[in-house]
Amino acid sequence: MTMHSATQFGGEVSSVTVPPASMTVFVVEVASPSFEISGQVRDTAGRPLPGVTVEATNGTPYTAVTDDYGIYRLSDLPEDAYTVSVTGVGDHVGSSQQVDLQQEPFPIANFTLTPRLSGAVKRWNTQHTELLAVPGAAVWVEPSGGGAVLASTTTDCEGNFLLPVAAGSYVAKAEHPGYAGRPGREVDVSSSAGCIAFTVGAGGGAVPCSQ
């Protein structure tokens, strides 16, 4: 439809086109873009950890659970900065890292979790001048107040051990049939990982790994 108008005293004539009443007007809503954080959760030996809860939060929490291969995927995330944390891990110490989707829209955030208890078993050489690895030594934990063995393992070819245990306080002990002694030490892994250096045989004992 076209409408005309003119001034009374010889002014310019103008025309305006008006759409017919039957014309359909479409309103298109453009959705905000969504982003994704993905990655893998493994232990220090490189083995995937299934069934682990991963949470990303920017004030609002978003969660996912790792599959049989330790893979997780957090999808449909608004563009923002997030703290990504591994929770729901009983025998490994949790971890977190910062991810900014404004800088990288589809980042890979991998996690390597440390067992709550680890360390090594060694012995003195004949001259008592050097500590040598003791492969095949038994390492176990008991309740701090005494009781049955809760978890156990043996040292590898380099005398090292990893012992995933639940958060708590324990008495850790080590023993090898070829050497005298059964050194032990109390360890608290309630909030962080613990590491113990055992020495079997003459002059044996147990100290934190840093000593």
Protein backbone atom coordinates (compact mmCIF):
# COMPACT_ATOMS: atom_id res chain seq x y z
CA MET A 1 0.00 0.00 0.00
CA THR A 2 1.33 3.47 -0.93
CA MET A 3 0.19 6.70 0.74
CA HIS A 4 0.77 10.18 -0.73
CA SER A 5 0.93 13.56 0.97
CA ALA A 6 1.48 17.12 -0.35
CA THR A 7 1.83 20.58 1.09
CA GLN A 8 -0.97 23.05 0.53
CA PHE A 9 1.14 25.67 -1.19
CA GLY A 10 3.07 23.81 -3.83
CA GLY A 11 5.42 21.97 -1.53
CA GLU A 12 7.05 18.66 -2.42
CA VAL A 13 4.95 15.55 -2.74
CA SER A 14 6.21 12.55 -0.72
CA SER A 15 5.12 8.93 -0.71
CA VAL A 16 5.40 6.25 2.02
CA THR A 17 5.06 2.53 1.40
CA VAL A 18 3.25 0.69 4.19
CA PRO A 19 3.46 -3.14 4.34
CA PRO A 20 0.12 -4.92 3.97
CA ALA A 21 -1.56 -6.12 7.11
CA SER A 22 -1.03 -9.73 6.07
CA MET A 23 2.77 -9.49 6.08
CA THR A 24 4.46 -11.83 8.65
CA VAL A 25 7.26 -10.46 10.77
CA PHE A 26 9.79 -13.00 12.10
CA VAL A 27 11.70 -12.40 15.32
CA VAL A 28 14.91 -14.46 15.49
CA GLU A 29 16.54 -15.03 18.85
CA VAL A 30 20.27 -15.70 18.62
CA ALA A 31 21.42 -18.09 21.34
CA SER A 32 24.51 -17.24 23.33
CA PRO A 33 27.53 -19.37 22.31
CA SER A 34 28.34 -22.30 24.57
CA PHE A 35 31.74 -23.75 25.38
CA GLU A 36 33.29 -26.99 26.63
CA ILE A 37 36.03 -28.18 28.98
CA SER A 38 37.27 -31.75 28.63
CA GLY A 39 40.23 -33.86 29.68
CA GLN A 40 41.44 -37.05 31.35
CA VAL A 41 42.03 -37.97 34.99
CA ARG A 42 44.88 -40.41 35.67
CA ASP A 43 47.03 -41.59 38.55
CA THR A 44 50.78 -41.11 38.76
CA ALA A 45 51.33 -44.46 37.01
CA GLY A 46 49.34 -43.20 34.00
CA ARG A 47 46.29 -45.39 34.65
CA PRO A 48 42.89 -43.80 33.97
CA LEU A 49 40.63 -43.17 36.96
CA PRO A 50 36.96 -43.91 36.15
CA GLY A 51 34.01 -42.69 38.19
CA VAL A 52 35.74 -39.49 39.35
CA THR A 53 33.65 -36.34 39.68
CA VAL A 54 35.01 -33.23 37.95
CA GLU A 55 33.45 -29.86 38.77
CA ALA A 56 33.82 -26.50 37.02
CA THR A 57 32.46 -23.48 38.84
CA ASN A 58 32.16 -19.77 38.11
CA GLY A 59 29.75 -19.32 41.01
CA THR A 60 27.47 -21.90 39.40
CA PRO A 61 28.73 -25.52 39.55
CA TYR A 62 28.83 -27.77 36.47
CA THR A 63 29.77 -31.42 36.99
CA ALA A 64 30.72 -34.49 34.98
CA VAL A 65 31.95 -38.00 35.84
CA THR A 66 34.90 -39.70 34.15
CA ASP A 67 34.18 -42.75 31.99
CA ASP A 68 36.09 -46.06 31.90
CA TYR A 69 39.01 -44.30 30.21
CA GLY A 70 39.14 -41.46 32.74
CA ILE A 71 37.70 -39.03 30.18
CA TYR A 72 35.29 -36.27 31.20
CA ARG A 73 33.43 -33.60 29.24
CA LEU A 74 31.75 -30.46 30.60
CA SER A 75 29.53 -29.08 27.85
CA ASP A 76 27.21 -26.09 27.31
CA LEU A 77 29.25 -23.77 29.52
CA PRO A 78 28.79 -19.98 29.36
CA GLU A 79 31.88 -18.01 28.40
CA ASP A 80 33.62 -17.23 31.69
CA ALA A 81 36.58 -18.08 33.92
CA TYR A 82 36.27 -21.33 35.88
CA THR A 83 37.94 -23.24 38.67
CA VAL A 84 38.04 -26.88 37.57
CA SER A 85 38.41 -29.36 40.44
CA VAL A 86 38.58 -33.11 40.83
CA THR A 87 36.41 -34.27 43.70
CA GLY A 88 34.97 -37.56 44.83
CA VAL A 89 38.43 -39.16 45.10
CA GLY A 90 38.82 -41.25 48.22
CA ASP A 91 42.30 -42.76 47.91
CA HIS A 92 43.94 -40.01 45.83
CA VAL A 93 44.50 -36.36 46.67
CA GLY A 94 42.21 -34.02 44.73
CA SER A 95 43.45 -31.26 42.45
CA SER A 96 42.24 -28.06 40.76
CA GLN A 97 43.27 -25.61 38.04
CA GLN A 98 42.06 -22.36 36.51
CA VAL A 99 40.50 -22.25 33.02
CA ASP A 100 39.42 -19.07 31.20
CA LEU A 101 37.03 -19.73 28.31
CA GLN A 102 37.42 -16.13 27.20
CA GLN A 103 41.02 -16.94 26.33
CA GLU A 104 40.50 -20.49 25.06
CA PRO A 105 36.94 -21.67 24.23
CA PHE A 106 37.59 -25.44 24.19
CA PRO A 107 40.49 -26.14 26.55
CA ILE A 108 41.89 -29.53 27.57
CA ALA A 109 42.31 -29.78 31.35
CA ASN A 110 44.05 -33.03 32.35
CA PHE A 111 44.65 -34.14 35.93
CA THR A 112 47.23 -36.49 37.45
CA LEU A 113 46.24 -37.49 40.97
CA THR A 114 48.71 -38.57 43.62
CA PRO A 115 47.93 -41.56 45.88
CA ARG A 116 47.59 -40.43 49.46
CA LEU A 117 50.57 -42.51 50.58
CA SER A 118 53.83 -43.25 48.76
CA GLY A 119 57.52 -43.66 49.50
CA ALA A 120 60.45 -46.04 49.31
CA VAL A 121 62.11 -48.88 51.23
CA LYS A 122 65.91 -48.97 51.38
CA ARG A 123 68.80 -50.53 53.31
CA TRP A 124 72.32 -49.47 54.18
CA ASN A 125 75.23 -50.94 52.25
CA THR A 126 77.94 -52.86 54.11
CA GLN A 127 79.98 -49.72 54.73
CA HIS A 128 76.90 -47.91 55.98
CA THR A 129 77.62 -45.09 53.54
CA GLU A 130 74.84 -45.46 50.98
CA LEU A 131 71.18 -46.42 51.00
CA LEU A 132 70.22 -49.08 48.44
CA ALA A 133 66.78 -49.93 47.07
CA VAL A 134 64.94 -52.92 48.51
CA PRO A 135 62.60 -54.45 45.88
CA GLY A 136 59.79 -56.74 46.99
CA ALA A 137 59.40 -55.28 50.47
CA ALA A 138 55.93 -55.39 52.00
CA VAL A 139 54.35 -52.06 52.96
CA TRP A 140 51.03 -51.77 54.75
CA VAL A 141 48.91 -49.46 56.91
CA GLU A 142 47.02 -50.13 60.11
CA PRO A 143 44.61 -47.90 62.05
CA SER A 144 46.48 -45.40 64.21
CA GLY A 145 44.89 -46.95 67.29
CA GLY A 146 45.86 -50.47 66.25
CA GLY A 147 43.96 -53.14 64.38
CA ALA A 148 43.93 -55.20 61.20
CA VAL A 149 45.79 -54.28 58.03
CA LEU A 150 43.72 -51.85 55.94
CA ALA A 151 45.76 -51.74 52.74
CA SER A 152 49.05 -53.20 51.54
CA THR A 153 51.44 -53.30 48.60
CA THR A 154 55.00 -54.29 47.68
CA THR A 155 57.90 -52.16 46.46
CA ASP A 156 58.91 -52.14 42.80
CA CYS A 157 62.38 -52.87 41.37
CA GLU A 158 63.59 -49.47 42.56
CA GLY A 159 62.22 -49.90 46.06
CA ASN A 160 59.37 -47.43 45.57
CA PHE A 161 55.73 -47.93 46.49
CA LEU A 162 52.34 -46.30 45.93
CA LEU A 163 49.58 -47.05 48.40
CA PRO A 164 46.16 -45.48 47.72
CA VAL A 165 44.30 -45.19 51.02
CA ALA A 166 41.29 -43.22 52.18
CA ALA A 167 41.82 -39.91 53.96
CA GLY A 168 42.73 -40.44 57.60
CA SER A 169 45.51 -41.19 60.10
CA TYR A 170 47.44 -44.47 59.98
CA VAL A 171 50.50 -46.31 61.14
CA ALA A 172 52.52 -47.33 58.08
CA LYS A 173 54.97 -50.23 58.32
CA ALA A 174 57.48 -51.98 56.06
CA GLU A 175 59.19 -55.37 56.15
CA HIS A 176 61.42 -57.59 54.02
CA PRO A 177 62.23 -61.22 54.93
CA GLY A 178 65.89 -60.72 54.04
CA TYR A 179 66.46 -57.89 56.49
CA ALA A 180 65.80 -57.44 60.18
CA GLY A 181 63.35 -54.96 61.58
CA ARG A 182 59.85 -53.74 60.90
CA PRO A 183 60.05 -49.93 60.91
CA GLY A 184 56.82 -48.00 61.31
CA ARG A 185 55.62 -44.43 61.41
CA GLU A 186 52.37 -42.57 62.00
CA VAL A 187 51.14 -40.60 59.00
CA ASP A 188 48.18 -38.26 58.55
CA VAL A 189 46.83 -38.09 54.99
CA SER A 190 43.53 -36.42 55.83
CA SER A 191 44.13 -33.31 53.75
CA SER A 192 47.31 -33.97 51.78
CA ALA A 193 49.49 -36.78 50.46
CA GLY A 194 52.10 -38.44 52.68
CA CYS A 195 55.49 -39.87 51.75
CA ILE A 196 57.60 -42.15 53.97
CA ALA A 197 61.19 -43.34 53.53
CA PHE A 198 61.67 -46.69 55.28
CA THR A 199 65.04 -48.21 56.08
CA VAL A 200 65.14 -51.92 56.92
CA GLY A 201 67.99 -53.86 58.48
CA ALA A 202 70.65 -52.46 60.78
CA GLY A 203 70.13 -48.79 61.51
CA GLY A 204 66.59 -48.99 60.21
CA GLY A 205 63.77 -46.54 60.76
CA ALA A 206 61.14 -44.43 59.00
CA VAL A 207 61.17 -40.71 58.26
CA PRO A 208 59.29 -38.37 55.91
CA CYS A 209 60.69 -38.49 52.38
CA SER A 210 62.04 -34.94 52.61
CA GLN A 211 64.41 -35.89 55.41
